Amino acid sequence: MEATRTALVHHDDSVPGRLMTSAIALFARKGYAATTVREIVEAAGVTKPVLYYHFGSKEGIFLAMMGEALREFEATATGALGTRGSAEERILRFFDSMFALMLEHLDVMRVLEAIYYGPPQGAPFFDFEVIHKRFIEILGRLIREGVESGEFRPGDPDDLTWAILGPFEVVRGMSFSHPEMDFGRDTLARLLKVVFEGLRAAHEKELVQ
């Protein structure tokens, strides 16, 4: 999937699905605070009472959106942990699956970024740190496994975790701010390979050569 894609209808054509799709697109384009219930229901082709019936309020549809994002993240992360292979292979798959999920839901990610990093928009509280902490926890676990098995050189697992997180953050940021540069999954894989060259233990480097 291309990193330049800006919106994706990823819900079914049911009434709740249309409402969620419309809300996500509007929140991403206009911001949470500037989006009205009237705009959401008009885009979904329903009336205000229908939104209130399914979600209770604009705040309710926002929390439903964030809850859905958290569940998809957790399912993808848990699936990546259950794969076989070396620590390097599992980290590459973990990052690739996370990046693919982000590309699939770019509008949701834009809403999350705007609310987390931008000025207050009056959105209801959602603990965004849960996702960040879980991401770091999984990556750190895989790094420690690589160090303990001798696959990676000895070092502080926390330092190694932050070092390998760098390429992911660069490609993620570029995908948002400069989509025309086409930073995508292939670029992420190449940058990670560079970092892995430094992480590999000496005997592992000899095997690769």
N, C-alpha and C. Protein backbone atom coordinates (compact mmCIF):
# COMPACT_ATOMS: atom_id res chain seq x y z
N MET A 1 0.85 -1.20 0.00
CA MET A 1 0.00 0.00 0.00
C MET A 1 0.87 1.24 0.00
N GLU A 2 0.53 2.21 -0.78
CA GLU A 2 1.38 3.38 -0.95
C GLU A 2 1.26 4.34 0.22
N ALA A 3 2.40 4.94 0.58
CA ALA A 3 2.41 5.87 1.70
C ALA A 3 1.73 7.18 1.36
N THR A 4 1.49 7.44 0.08
CA THR A 4 0.91 8.71 -0.32
C THR A 4 -0.61 8.72 -0.17
N ARG A 5 -1.19 7.59 0.13
CA ARG A 5 -2.64 7.55 0.25
C ARG A 5 -3.06 8.31 1.50
N THR A 6 -4.07 9.16 1.38
CA THR A 6 -4.42 10.03 2.50
C THR A 6 -5.69 9.62 3.21
N ALA A 7 -6.53 8.82 2.62
CA ALA A 7 -7.76 8.43 3.30
C ALA A 7 -8.17 7.05 2.83
N LEU A 8 -8.76 6.31 3.74
CA LEU A 8 -9.16 4.95 3.39
C LEU A 8 -10.45 4.63 4.11
N VAL A 9 -11.47 4.23 3.37
CA VAL A 9 -12.71 3.77 3.99
C VAL A 9 -12.50 2.33 4.40
N HIS A 10 -12.36 2.10 5.70
CA HIS A 10 -12.02 0.76 6.15
C HIS A 10 -13.13 0.16 7.02
N HIS A 11 -14.31 0.76 7.01
CA HIS A 11 -15.44 0.20 7.73
C HIS A 11 -16.49 -0.29 6.73
N ASP A 12 -17.38 -1.16 7.20
CA ASP A 12 -18.41 -1.67 6.31
C ASP A 12 -19.46 -0.60 6.04
N ASP A 13 -20.46 -0.97 5.25
CA ASP A 13 -21.46 0.01 4.83
C ASP A 13 -22.66 0.04 5.77
N SER A 14 -22.51 -0.52 6.97
CA SER A 14 -23.57 -0.41 7.96
C SER A 14 -23.64 1.03 8.44
N VAL A 15 -24.72 1.36 9.15
CA VAL A 15 -24.85 2.73 9.66
C VAL A 15 -23.70 3.08 10.61
N PRO A 16 -23.37 2.25 11.61
CA PRO A 16 -22.22 2.59 12.47
C PRO A 16 -20.92 2.70 11.68
N GLY A 17 -20.75 1.83 10.67
CA GLY A 17 -19.55 1.88 9.85
C GLY A 17 -19.43 3.17 9.08
N ARG A 18 -20.54 3.63 8.49
CA ARG A 18 -20.53 4.89 7.74
C ARG A 18 -20.28 6.07 8.67
N LEU A 19 -20.87 6.03 9.84
CA LEU A 19 -20.64 7.12 10.80
C LEU A 19 -19.18 7.17 11.22
N MET A 20 -18.59 6.01 11.48
CA MET A 20 -17.19 5.97 11.90
C MET A 20 -16.28 6.47 10.78
N THR A 21 -16.53 6.02 9.57
CA THR A 21 -15.72 6.45 8.43
C THR A 21 -15.81 7.96 8.23
N SER A 22 -17.02 8.49 8.31
CA SER A 22 -17.22 9.93 8.11
C SER A 22 -16.54 10.73 9.21
N ALA A 23 -16.68 10.28 10.46
CA ALA A 23 -16.08 11.00 11.57
C ALA A 23 -14.56 11.01 11.47
N ILE A 24 -13.97 9.88 11.15
CA ILE A 24 -12.52 9.80 11.04
C ILE A 24 -12.01 10.75 9.96
N ALA A 25 -12.66 10.74 8.80
CA ALA A 25 -12.22 11.60 7.70
C ALA A 25 -12.33 13.08 8.07
N LEU A 26 -13.42 13.44 8.75
CA LEU A 26 -13.61 14.84 9.15
C LEU A 26 -12.65 15.25 10.26
N PHE A 27 -12.46 14.39 11.25
CA PHE A 27 -11.51 14.69 12.33
C PHE A 27 -10.11 14.90 11.76
N ALA A 28 -9.74 14.07 10.77
CA ALA A 28 -8.40 14.17 10.19
C ALA A 28 -8.25 15.44 9.37
N ARG A 29 -9.31 15.84 8.66
CA ARG A 29 -9.21 17.00 7.77
C ARG A 29 -9.41 18.32 8.51
N LYS A 30 -10.36 18.37 9.43
CA LYS A 30 -10.72 19.63 10.07
C LYS A 30 -10.24 19.74 11.51
N GLY A 31 -9.96 18.61 12.14
CA GLY A 31 -9.66 18.60 13.56
C GLY A 31 -10.89 18.21 14.34
N TYR A 32 -10.68 17.66 15.52
CA TYR A 32 -11.80 17.21 16.33
C TYR A 32 -12.71 18.36 16.72
N ALA A 33 -12.13 19.43 17.23
CA ALA A 33 -12.93 20.54 17.75
C ALA A 33 -13.78 21.19 16.66
N ALA A 34 -13.24 21.31 15.46
CA ALA A 34 -13.94 22.02 14.38
C ALA A 34 -15.01 21.16 13.70
N THR A 35 -15.01 19.88 13.95
CA THR A 35 -15.99 18.99 13.33
C THR A 35 -17.28 18.98 14.14
N THR A 36 -18.40 19.10 13.46
CA THR A 36 -19.69 19.10 14.15
C THR A 36 -20.42 17.78 13.92
N VAL A 37 -21.35 17.50 14.80
CA VAL A 37 -22.19 16.32 14.64
C VAL A 37 -22.97 16.41 13.33
N ARG A 38 -23.44 17.60 13.01
CA ARG A 38 -24.19 17.78 11.76
C ARG A 38 -23.37 17.36 10.56
N GLU A 39 -22.09 17.74 10.53
CA GLU A 39 -21.24 17.37 9.40
C GLU A 39 -21.04 15.86 9.33
N ILE A 40 -20.87 15.23 10.48
CA ILE A 40 -20.66 13.78 10.51
C ILE A 40 -21.87 13.04 9.96
N VAL A 41 -23.07 13.43 10.44
CA VAL A 41 -24.27 12.69 10.01
C VAL A 41 -24.59 12.99 8.54
N GLU A 42 -24.32 14.20 8.09
CA GLU A 42 -24.57 14.51 6.67
C GLU A 42 -23.65 13.69 5.78
N ALA A 43 -22.39 13.57 6.18
CA ALA A 43 -21.44 12.79 5.38
C ALA A 43 -21.81 11.31 5.37
N ALA A 44 -22.40 10.84 6.48
CA ALA A 44 -22.79 9.43 6.58
C ALA A 44 -24.17 9.17 5.99
N GLY A 45 -24.92 10.23 5.69
CA GLY A 45 -26.25 10.07 5.11
C GLY A 45 -27.30 9.63 6.12
N VAL A 46 -27.13 10.07 7.38
CA VAL A 46 -28.10 9.73 8.42
C VAL A 46 -28.48 11.00 9.17
N THR A 47 -29.25 10.84 10.25
CA THR A 47 -29.66 11.98 11.05
C THR A 47 -28.96 11.96 12.41
N LYS A 48 -29.04 13.09 13.12
CA LYS A 48 -28.39 13.18 14.42
C LYS A 48 -28.87 12.11 15.41
N PRO A 49 -30.18 11.85 15.51
CA PRO A 49 -30.61 10.82 16.46
C PRO A 49 -29.97 9.45 16.20
N VAL A 50 -29.65 9.19 14.93
CA VAL A 50 -29.02 7.90 14.61
C VAL A 50 -27.61 7.84 15.22
N LEU A 51 -26.86 8.94 15.11
CA LEU A 51 -25.53 8.98 15.73
C LEU A 51 -25.65 8.83 17.25
N TYR A 52 -26.61 9.54 17.83
CA TYR A 52 -26.77 9.47 19.28
C TYR A 52 -27.16 8.06 19.72
N TYR A 53 -27.92 7.37 18.91
CA TYR A 53 -28.34 6.00 19.23
C TYR A 53 -27.13 5.06 19.25
N HIS A 54 -26.26 5.18 18.26
CA HIS A 54 -25.14 4.24 18.14
C HIS A 54 -23.93 4.63 18.99
N PHE A 55 -23.67 5.93 19.14
CA PHE A 55 -22.45 6.36 19.82
C PHE A 55 -22.68 7.32 20.99
N GLY A 56 -23.87 7.84 21.14
CA GLY A 56 -24.17 8.71 22.25
C GLY A 56 -23.85 10.17 22.03
N SER A 57 -22.74 10.46 21.34
CA SER A 57 -22.28 11.84 21.15
C SER A 57 -21.07 11.85 20.23
N LYS A 58 -20.59 13.06 19.94
CA LYS A 58 -19.33 13.16 19.18
C LYS A 58 -18.19 12.57 19.99
N GLU A 59 -18.20 12.80 21.30
CA GLU A 59 -17.18 12.24 22.17
C GLU A 59 -17.22 10.72 22.12
N GLY A 60 -18.42 10.16 22.06
CA GLY A 60 -18.56 8.71 22.01
C GLY A 60 -17.99 8.10 20.75
N ILE A 61 -18.20 8.76 19.61
CA ILE A 61 -17.66 8.22 18.37
C ILE A 61 -16.14 8.35 18.33
N PHE A 62 -15.60 9.42 18.96
CA PHE A 62 -14.15 9.56 19.06
C PHE A 62 -13.56 8.43 19.90
N LEU A 63 -14.16 8.16 21.05
CA LEU A 63 -13.65 7.10 21.92
C LEU A 63 -13.79 5.73 21.27
N ALA A 64 -14.86 5.54 20.50
CA ALA A 64 -15.01 4.27 19.77
C ALA A 64 -13.91 4.12 18.74
N MET A 65 -13.57 5.21 18.06
CA MET A 65 -12.50 5.20 17.07
C MET A 65 -11.16 4.85 17.72
N MET A 66 -10.86 5.47 18.86
CA MET A 66 -9.61 5.21 19.55
C MET A 66 -9.56 3.79 20.12
N GLY A 67 -10.70 3.34 20.63
CA GLY A 67 -10.75 1.97 21.15
C GLY A 67 -10.52 0.95 20.06
N GLU A 68 -11.08 1.20 18.89
CA GLU A 68 -10.87 0.31 17.75
C GLU A 68 -9.40 0.31 17.34
N ALA A 69 -8.78 1.50 17.32
CA ALA A 69 -7.37 1.59 16.97
C ALA A 69 -6.51 0.80 17.96
N LEU A 70 -6.83 0.90 19.24
CA LEU A 70 -6.07 0.19 20.26
C LEU A 70 -6.21 -1.32 20.09
N ARG A 71 -7.40 -1.79 19.80
CA ARG A 71 -7.61 -3.24 19.61
C ARG A 71 -6.87 -3.75 18.39
N GLU A 72 -6.89 -2.99 17.31
CA GLU A 72 -6.17 -3.42 16.11
C GLU A 72 -4.66 -3.43 16.35
N PHE A 73 -4.18 -2.41 17.07
CA PHE A 73 -2.76 -2.37 17.40
C PHE A 73 -2.36 -3.58 18.23
N GLU A 74 -3.14 -3.88 19.26
CA GLU A 74 -2.80 -4.99 20.15
C GLU A 74 -2.84 -6.32 19.41
N ALA A 75 -3.83 -6.50 18.55
CA ALA A 75 -3.93 -7.74 17.79
C ALA A 75 -2.73 -7.91 16.86
N THR A 76 -2.32 -6.83 16.20
CA THR A 76 -1.17 -6.89 15.30
C THR A 76 0.12 -7.12 16.08
N ALA A 77 0.27 -6.44 17.20
CA ALA A 77 1.47 -6.59 18.02
C ALA A 77 1.58 -8.00 18.59
N THR A 78 0.48 -8.53 19.10
CA THR A 78 0.49 -9.88 19.66
C THR A 78 0.81 -10.91 18.58
N GLY A 79 0.27 -10.70 17.40
CA GLY A 79 0.57 -11.61 16.30
C GLY A 79 2.04 -11.60 15.93
N ALA A 80 2.65 -10.42 15.96
CA ALA A 80 4.08 -10.32 15.63
C ALA A 80 4.93 -11.03 16.67
N LEU A 81 4.54 -10.97 17.93
CA LEU A 81 5.30 -11.64 18.98
C LEU A 81 5.28 -13.16 18.82
N GLY A 82 4.23 -13.67 18.24
CA GLY A 82 4.09 -15.11 18.13
C GLY A 82 4.80 -15.72 16.94
N THR A 83 5.51 -14.93 16.15
CA THR A 83 6.18 -15.47 14.97
C THR A 83 7.52 -16.12 15.34
N ARG A 84 7.99 -16.99 14.48
CA ARG A 84 9.26 -17.67 14.71
C ARG A 84 10.37 -16.96 13.95
N GLY A 85 11.62 -17.34 14.28
CA GLY A 85 12.76 -16.79 13.58
C GLY A 85 13.73 -16.12 14.53
N SER A 86 14.77 -15.52 13.98
CA SER A 86 15.76 -14.82 14.78
C SER A 86 15.15 -13.54 15.34
N ALA A 87 15.84 -12.94 16.30
CA ALA A 87 15.37 -11.68 16.86
C ALA A 87 15.29 -10.61 15.77
N GLU A 88 16.29 -10.59 14.90
CA GLU A 88 16.29 -9.60 13.81
C GLU A 88 15.09 -9.80 12.90
N GLU A 89 14.83 -11.03 12.52
CA GLU A 89 13.70 -11.32 11.63
C GLU A 89 12.37 -10.94 12.29
N ARG A 90 12.24 -11.22 13.56
CA ARG A 90 10.99 -10.92 14.27
C ARG A 90 10.80 -9.41 14.43
N ILE A 91 11.88 -8.68 14.67
CA ILE A 91 11.78 -7.22 14.78
C ILE A 91 11.39 -6.63 13.43
N LEU A 92 12.00 -7.13 12.36
CA LEU A 92 11.65 -6.64 11.03
C LEU A 92 10.18 -6.88 10.73
N ARG A 93 9.67 -8.06 11.08
CA ARG A 93 8.25 -8.35 10.86
C ARG A 93 7.37 -7.48 11.74
N PHE A 94 7.79 -7.27 12.98
CA PHE A 94 7.02 -6.42 13.90
C PHE A 94 6.91 -5.01 13.35
N PHE A 95 8.02 -4.43 12.95
CA PHE A 95 8.01 -3.07 12.41
C PHE A 95 7.19 -3.00 11.12
N ASP A 96 7.36 -3.99 10.26
CA ASP A 96 6.65 -3.97 8.99
C ASP A 96 5.14 -4.06 9.22
N SER A 97 4.72 -4.91 10.15
CA SER A 97 3.29 -5.04 10.41
C SER A 97 2.73 -3.77 11.05
N MET A 98 3.51 -3.14 11.92
CA MET A 98 3.06 -1.89 12.55
C MET A 98 2.96 -0.76 11.52
N PHE A 99 3.95 -0.71 10.63
CA PHE A 99 3.94 0.34 9.61
C PHE A 99 2.80 0.12 8.62
N ALA A 100 2.55 -1.14 8.25
CA ALA A 100 1.45 -1.44 7.35
C ALA A 100 0.12 -1.06 7.99
N LEU A 101 -0.02 -1.31 9.29
CA LEU A 101 -1.24 -0.93 9.99
C LEU A 101 -1.42 0.58 9.99
N MET A 102 -0.33 1.30 10.19
CA MET A 102 -0.38 2.76 10.17
C MET A 102 -0.82 3.26 8.80
N LEU A 103 -0.26 2.70 7.73
CA LEU A 103 -0.62 3.14 6.39
C LEU A 103 -2.09 2.84 6.09
N GLU A 104 -2.58 1.73 6.63
CA GLU A 104 -3.97 1.35 6.39
C GLU A 104 -4.94 2.32 7.06
N HIS A 105 -4.47 2.96 8.13
CA HIS A 105 -5.33 3.85 8.89
C HIS A 105 -4.67 5.23 9.06
N LEU A 106 -4.26 5.80 7.96
CA LEU A 106 -3.55 7.08 8.01
C LEU A 106 -4.39 8.19 8.64
N ASP A 107 -5.67 8.23 8.33
CA ASP A 107 -6.50 9.29 8.89
C ASP A 107 -6.61 9.16 10.41
N VAL A 108 -6.74 7.94 10.91
CA VAL A 108 -6.78 7.74 12.35
C VAL A 108 -5.47 8.20 12.99
N MET A 109 -4.36 7.88 12.34
CA MET A 109 -3.06 8.29 12.86
C MET A 109 -2.92 9.81 12.87
N ARG A 110 -3.47 10.47 11.86
CA ARG A 110 -3.41 11.94 11.81
C ARG A 110 -4.23 12.55 12.96
N VAL A 111 -5.37 11.96 13.24
CA VAL A 111 -6.17 12.44 14.36
C VAL A 111 -5.41 12.25 15.67
N LEU A 112 -4.84 11.08 15.84
CA LEU A 112 -4.08 10.78 17.06
C LEU A 112 -2.92 11.75 17.22
N GLU A 113 -2.17 11.97 16.15
CA GLU A 113 -1.01 12.86 16.22
C GLU A 113 -1.43 14.29 16.54
N ALA A 114 -2.50 14.76 15.91
CA ALA A 114 -2.94 16.13 16.11
C ALA A 114 -3.37 16.37 17.55
N ILE A 115 -4.04 15.40 18.14
CA ILE A 115 -4.52 15.56 19.51
C ILE A 115 -3.41 15.35 20.52
N TYR A 116 -2.53 14.41 20.25
CA TYR A 116 -1.45 14.10 21.20
C TYR A 116 -0.38 15.19 21.22
N TYR A 117 0.00 15.66 20.03
CA TYR A 117 1.11 16.61 19.93
C TYR A 117 0.65 18.06 19.73
N GLY A 118 -0.58 18.26 19.26
CA GLY A 118 -1.04 19.60 18.93
C GLY A 118 -1.71 20.30 20.10
N PRO A 119 -2.28 21.47 19.83
CA PRO A 119 -2.98 22.23 20.88
C PRO A 119 -4.24 21.49 21.32
N PRO A 120 -4.72 21.77 22.52
CA PRO A 120 -5.94 21.09 23.02
C PRO A 120 -7.12 21.31 22.08
N GLN A 121 -7.87 20.24 21.85
CA GLN A 121 -9.03 20.33 20.96
C GLN A 121 -10.33 19.98 21.69
N GLY A 122 -10.26 19.80 22.99
CA GLY A 122 -11.46 19.47 23.73
C GLY A 122 -11.90 18.04 23.58
N ALA A 123 -11.05 17.18 23.05
CA ALA A 123 -11.41 15.78 22.89
C ALA A 123 -11.43 15.09 24.25
N PRO A 124 -12.27 14.08 24.42
CA PRO A 124 -12.29 13.36 25.70
C PRO A 124 -10.97 12.64 25.93
N PHE A 125 -10.65 12.39 27.18
CA PHE A 125 -9.37 11.77 27.51
C PHE A 125 -9.28 10.35 26.95
N PHE A 126 -8.13 10.08 26.34
CA PHE A 126 -7.80 8.73 25.92
C PHE A 126 -6.32 8.53 26.22
N ASP A 127 -5.98 7.42 26.86
CA ASP A 127 -4.60 7.19 27.29
C ASP A 127 -3.75 6.71 26.11
N PHE A 128 -3.24 7.67 25.32
CA PHE A 128 -2.40 7.33 24.17
C PHE A 128 -1.11 6.63 24.58
N GLU A 129 -0.68 6.86 25.83
CA GLU A 129 0.58 6.26 26.28
C GLU A 129 0.51 4.75 26.31
N VAL A 130 -0.69 4.19 26.39
CA VAL A 130 -0.83 2.73 26.40
C VAL A 130 -0.21 2.13 25.14
N ILE A 131 -0.49 2.76 23.98
CA ILE A 131 0.03 2.25 22.72
C ILE A 131 1.55 2.41 22.67
N HIS A 132 2.03 3.59 23.04
CA HIS A 132 3.48 3.85 23.00
C HIS A 132 4.23 2.89 23.92
N LYS A 133 3.75 2.73 25.14
CA LYS A 133 4.43 1.86 26.10
C LYS A 133 4.43 0.41 25.65
N ARG A 134 3.33 -0.03 25.07
CA ARG A 134 3.25 -1.41 24.58
C ARG A 134 4.22 -1.62 23.41
N PHE A 135 4.32 -0.66 22.54
CA PHE A 135 5.24 -0.73 21.41
C PHE A 135 6.68 -0.90 21.91
N ILE A 136 7.07 -0.04 22.85
CA ILE A 136 8.43 -0.10 23.40
C ILE A 136 8.66 -1.39 24.16
N GLU A 137 7.65 -1.85 24.88
CA GLU A 137 7.77 -3.10 25.64
C GLU A 137 8.08 -4.28 24.72
N ILE A 138 7.33 -4.38 23.61
CA ILE A 138 7.53 -5.49 22.68
C ILE A 138 8.89 -5.40 22.02
N LEU A 139 9.25 -4.21 21.55
CA LEU A 139 10.55 -4.04 20.90
C LEU A 139 11.68 -4.36 21.88
N GLY A 140 11.57 -3.87 23.11
CA GLY A 140 12.60 -4.13 24.10
C GLY A 140 12.74 -5.61 24.41
N ARG A 141 11.62 -6.32 24.44
CA ARG A 141 11.67 -7.76 24.70
C ARG A 141 12.42 -8.49 23.60
N LEU A 142 12.16 -8.12 22.36
CA LEU A 142 12.85 -8.76 21.23
C LEU A 142 14.33 -8.42 21.23
N ILE A 143 14.67 -7.18 21.58
CA ILE A 143 16.08 -6.80 21.66
C ILE A 143 16.78 -7.61 22.74
N ARG A 144 16.19 -7.73 23.91
CA ARG A 144 16.80 -8.49 25.00
C ARG A 144 17.00 -9.95 24.62
N GLU A 145 16.03 -10.52 23.91
CA GLU A 145 16.18 -11.90 23.45
C GLU A 145 17.38 -12.02 22.52
N GLY A 146 17.56 -11.02 21.65
CA GLY A 146 18.70 -11.05 20.74
C GLY A 146 20.02 -10.94 21.46
N VAL A 147 20.09 -10.11 22.49
CA VAL A 147 21.32 -9.94 23.27
C VAL A 147 21.61 -11.20 24.07
N GLU A 148 20.59 -11.74 24.73
CA GLU A 148 20.78 -12.93 25.57
C GLU A 148 21.18 -14.16 24.76
N SER A 149 20.70 -14.25 23.53
CA SER A 149 21.04 -15.40 22.68
C SER A 149 22.39 -15.25 22.01
N GLY A 150 22.99 -14.06 22.09
CA GLY A 150 24.26 -13.81 21.42
C GLY A 150 24.12 -13.36 19.99
N GLU A 151 22.88 -13.20 19.53
CA GLU A 151 22.66 -12.72 18.16
C GLU A 151 23.10 -11.27 18.02
N PHE A 152 22.81 -10.45 19.04
CA PHE A 152 23.20 -9.05 19.05
C PHE A 152 24.37 -8.87 20.00
N ARG A 153 25.18 -7.87 19.73
CA ARG A 153 26.32 -7.58 20.59
C ARG A 153 25.85 -7.16 21.97
N PRO A 154 26.67 -7.34 22.99
CA PRO A 154 26.30 -6.90 24.34
C PRO A 154 26.08 -5.39 24.37
N GLY A 155 25.17 -4.97 25.19
CA GLY A 155 24.88 -3.54 25.31
C GLY A 155 23.66 -3.33 26.17
N ASP A 156 23.42 -2.10 26.53
CA ASP A 156 22.25 -1.76 27.33
C ASP A 156 21.01 -1.98 26.45
N PRO A 157 20.12 -2.89 26.84
CA PRO A 157 18.94 -3.17 26.00
C PRO A 157 18.08 -1.92 25.74
N ASP A 158 18.02 -1.03 26.72
CA ASP A 158 17.24 0.19 26.52
C ASP A 158 17.86 1.07 25.44
N ASP A 159 19.19 1.21 25.48
CA ASP A 159 19.88 2.01 24.46
C ASP A 159 19.69 1.39 23.08
N LEU A 160 19.81 0.07 23.00
CA LEU A 160 19.65 -0.61 21.71
C LEU A 160 18.22 -0.47 21.20
N THR A 161 17.26 -0.51 22.11
CA THR A 161 15.86 -0.36 21.73
C THR A 161 15.62 1.01 21.10
N TRP A 162 16.11 2.08 21.76
CA TRP A 162 15.90 3.42 21.22
C TRP A 162 16.66 3.61 19.91
N ALA A 163 17.82 2.97 19.79
CA ALA A 163 18.60 3.11 18.56
C ALA A 163 17.85 2.52 17.37
N ILE A 164 17.23 1.36 17.57
CA ILE A 164 16.56 0.72 16.44
C ILE A 164 15.18 1.31 16.19
N LEU A 165 14.66 2.02 17.18
CA LEU A 165 13.37 2.71 16.98
C LEU A 165 13.52 3.90 16.04
N GLY A 166 14.75 4.45 15.95
CA GLY A 166 14.98 5.64 15.15
C GLY A 166 14.49 5.55 13.72
N PRO A 167 14.88 4.51 12.95
CA PRO A 167 14.42 4.42 11.57
C PRO A 167 12.90 4.38 11.44
N PHE A 168 12.24 3.69 12.35
CA PHE A 168 10.78 3.63 12.29
C PHE A 168 10.18 5.02 12.45
N GLU A 169 10.69 5.78 13.41
CA GLU A 169 10.16 7.12 13.65
C GLU A 169 10.44 8.05 12.47
N VAL A 170 11.61 7.90 11.85
CA VAL A 170 11.95 8.73 10.68
C VAL A 170 10.97 8.45 9.54
N VAL A 171 10.79 7.17 9.22
CA VAL A 171 9.92 6.82 8.09
C VAL A 171 8.46 7.17 8.40
N ARG A 172 8.04 6.95 9.64
CA ARG A 172 6.68 7.31 10.03
C ARG A 172 6.46 8.82 9.87
N GLY A 173 7.40 9.61 10.36
CA GLY A 173 7.28 11.06 10.26
C GLY A 173 7.29 11.55 8.83
N MET A 174 8.17 10.98 8.01
CA MET A 174 8.24 11.39 6.62
C MET A 174 6.98 11.01 5.85
N SER A 175 6.37 9.90 6.22
CA SER A 175 5.14 9.47 5.55
C SER A 175 4.01 10.47 5.81
N PHE A 176 4.04 11.11 6.97
CA PHE A 176 3.03 12.11 7.29
C PHE A 176 3.35 13.46 6.65
N SER A 177 4.59 13.92 6.82
CA SER A 177 4.93 15.29 6.43
C SER A 177 5.36 15.44 4.99
N HIS A 178 5.96 14.39 4.41
CA HIS A 178 6.44 14.47 3.02
C HIS A 178 6.07 13.21 2.25
N PRO A 179 4.78 12.97 2.04
CA PRO A 179 4.37 11.75 1.33
C PRO A 179 4.90 11.70 -0.10
N GLU A 180 5.21 12.88 -0.66
CA GLU A 180 5.71 12.89 -2.04
C GLU A 180 7.08 12.22 -2.16
N MET A 181 7.80 12.08 -1.05
CA MET A 181 9.11 11.44 -1.08
C MET A 181 9.03 9.92 -1.05
N ASP A 182 7.81 9.41 -0.87
CA ASP A 182 7.55 7.97 -0.96
C ASP A 182 8.42 7.16 0.01
N PHE A 183 8.53 7.64 1.24
CA PHE A 183 9.15 6.83 2.29
C PHE A 183 8.13 5.75 2.66
N GLY A 184 8.47 4.50 2.44
CA GLY A 184 7.51 3.43 2.69
C GLY A 184 8.15 2.24 3.35
N ARG A 185 7.50 1.09 3.21
CA ARG A 185 7.96 -0.12 3.90
C ARG A 185 9.33 -0.57 3.41
N ASP A 186 9.61 -0.41 2.11
CA ASP A 186 10.92 -0.80 1.59
C ASP A 186 12.02 0.08 2.18
N THR A 187 11.75 1.38 2.29
CA THR A 187 12.72 2.29 2.89
C THR A 187 12.96 1.94 4.35
N LEU A 188 11.90 1.64 5.06
CA LEU A 188 12.02 1.24 6.46
C LEU A 188 12.90 0.01 6.59
N ALA A 189 12.68 -0.99 5.76
CA ALA A 189 13.47 -2.21 5.82
C ALA A 189 14.95 -1.93 5.55
N ARG A 190 15.24 -1.06 4.58
CA ARG A 190 16.64 -0.74 4.27
C ARG A 190 17.33 -0.04 5.44
N LEU A 191 16.64 0.93 6.04
CA LEU A 191 17.24 1.66 7.16
C LEU A 191 17.46 0.74 8.36
N LEU A 192 16.53 -0.16 8.59
CA LEU A 192 16.69 -1.09 9.70
C LEU A 192 17.88 -2.02 9.47
N LYS A 193 18.10 -2.42 8.24
CA LYS A 193 19.25 -3.28 7.93
C LYS A 193 20.56 -2.59 8.30
N VAL A 194 20.62 -1.27 8.06
CA VAL A 194 21.83 -0.52 8.42
C VAL A 194 22.06 -0.58 9.93
N VAL A 195 21.01 -0.39 10.71
CA VAL A 195 21.14 -0.44 12.16
C VAL A 195 21.51 -1.83 12.63
N PHE A 196 20.92 -2.85 12.01
CA PHE A 196 21.23 -4.23 12.41
C PHE A 196 22.69 -4.57 12.16
N GLU A 197 23.31 -3.96 11.17
CA GLU A 197 24.73 -4.20 10.93
C GLU A 197 25.54 -3.85 12.17
N GLY A 198 25.13 -2.79 12.86
CA GLY A 198 25.83 -2.39 14.08
C GLY A 198 25.44 -3.20 15.29
N LEU A 199 24.25 -3.79 15.26
CA LEU A 199 23.78 -4.56 16.41
C LEU A 199 24.30 -5.99 16.43
N ARG A 200 24.58 -6.53 15.26
CA ARG A 200 24.95 -7.94 15.21
C ARG A 200 26.26 -8.20 15.97
N ALA A 201 26.29 -9.33 16.64
CA ALA A 201 27.52 -9.75 17.30
C ALA A 201 28.55 -10.10 16.24
N ALA A 202 29.83 -10.12 16.63
CA ALA A 202 30.91 -10.34 15.67
C ALA A 202 30.75 -11.64 14.91
N HIS A 203 30.39 -12.72 15.61
CA HIS A 203 30.26 -14.00 14.91
C HIS A 203 29.09 -14.01 13.97
N GLU A 204 28.03 -13.25 14.28
CA GLU A 204 26.90 -13.17 13.38
C GLU A 204 27.28 -12.43 12.11
N LYS A 205 28.12 -11.38 12.24
CA LYS A 205 28.56 -10.65 11.05
C LYS A 205 29.38 -11.55 10.13
N GLU A 206 30.19 -12.42 10.73
CA GLU A 206 30.99 -13.33 9.92
C GLU A 206 30.11 -14.30 9.14
N LEU A 207 29.02 -14.74 9.76
CA LEU A 207 28.11 -15.67 9.09
C LEU A 207 27.41 -14.99 7.92
N VAL A 208 27.10 -13.70 8.07
CA VAL A 208 26.41 -12.96 7.01
C VAL A 208 27.32 -12.72 5.83
N GLN A 209 28.60 -12.48 6.11
CA GLN A 209 29.56 -12.14 5.02
C GLN A 209 29.85 -13.37 4.16
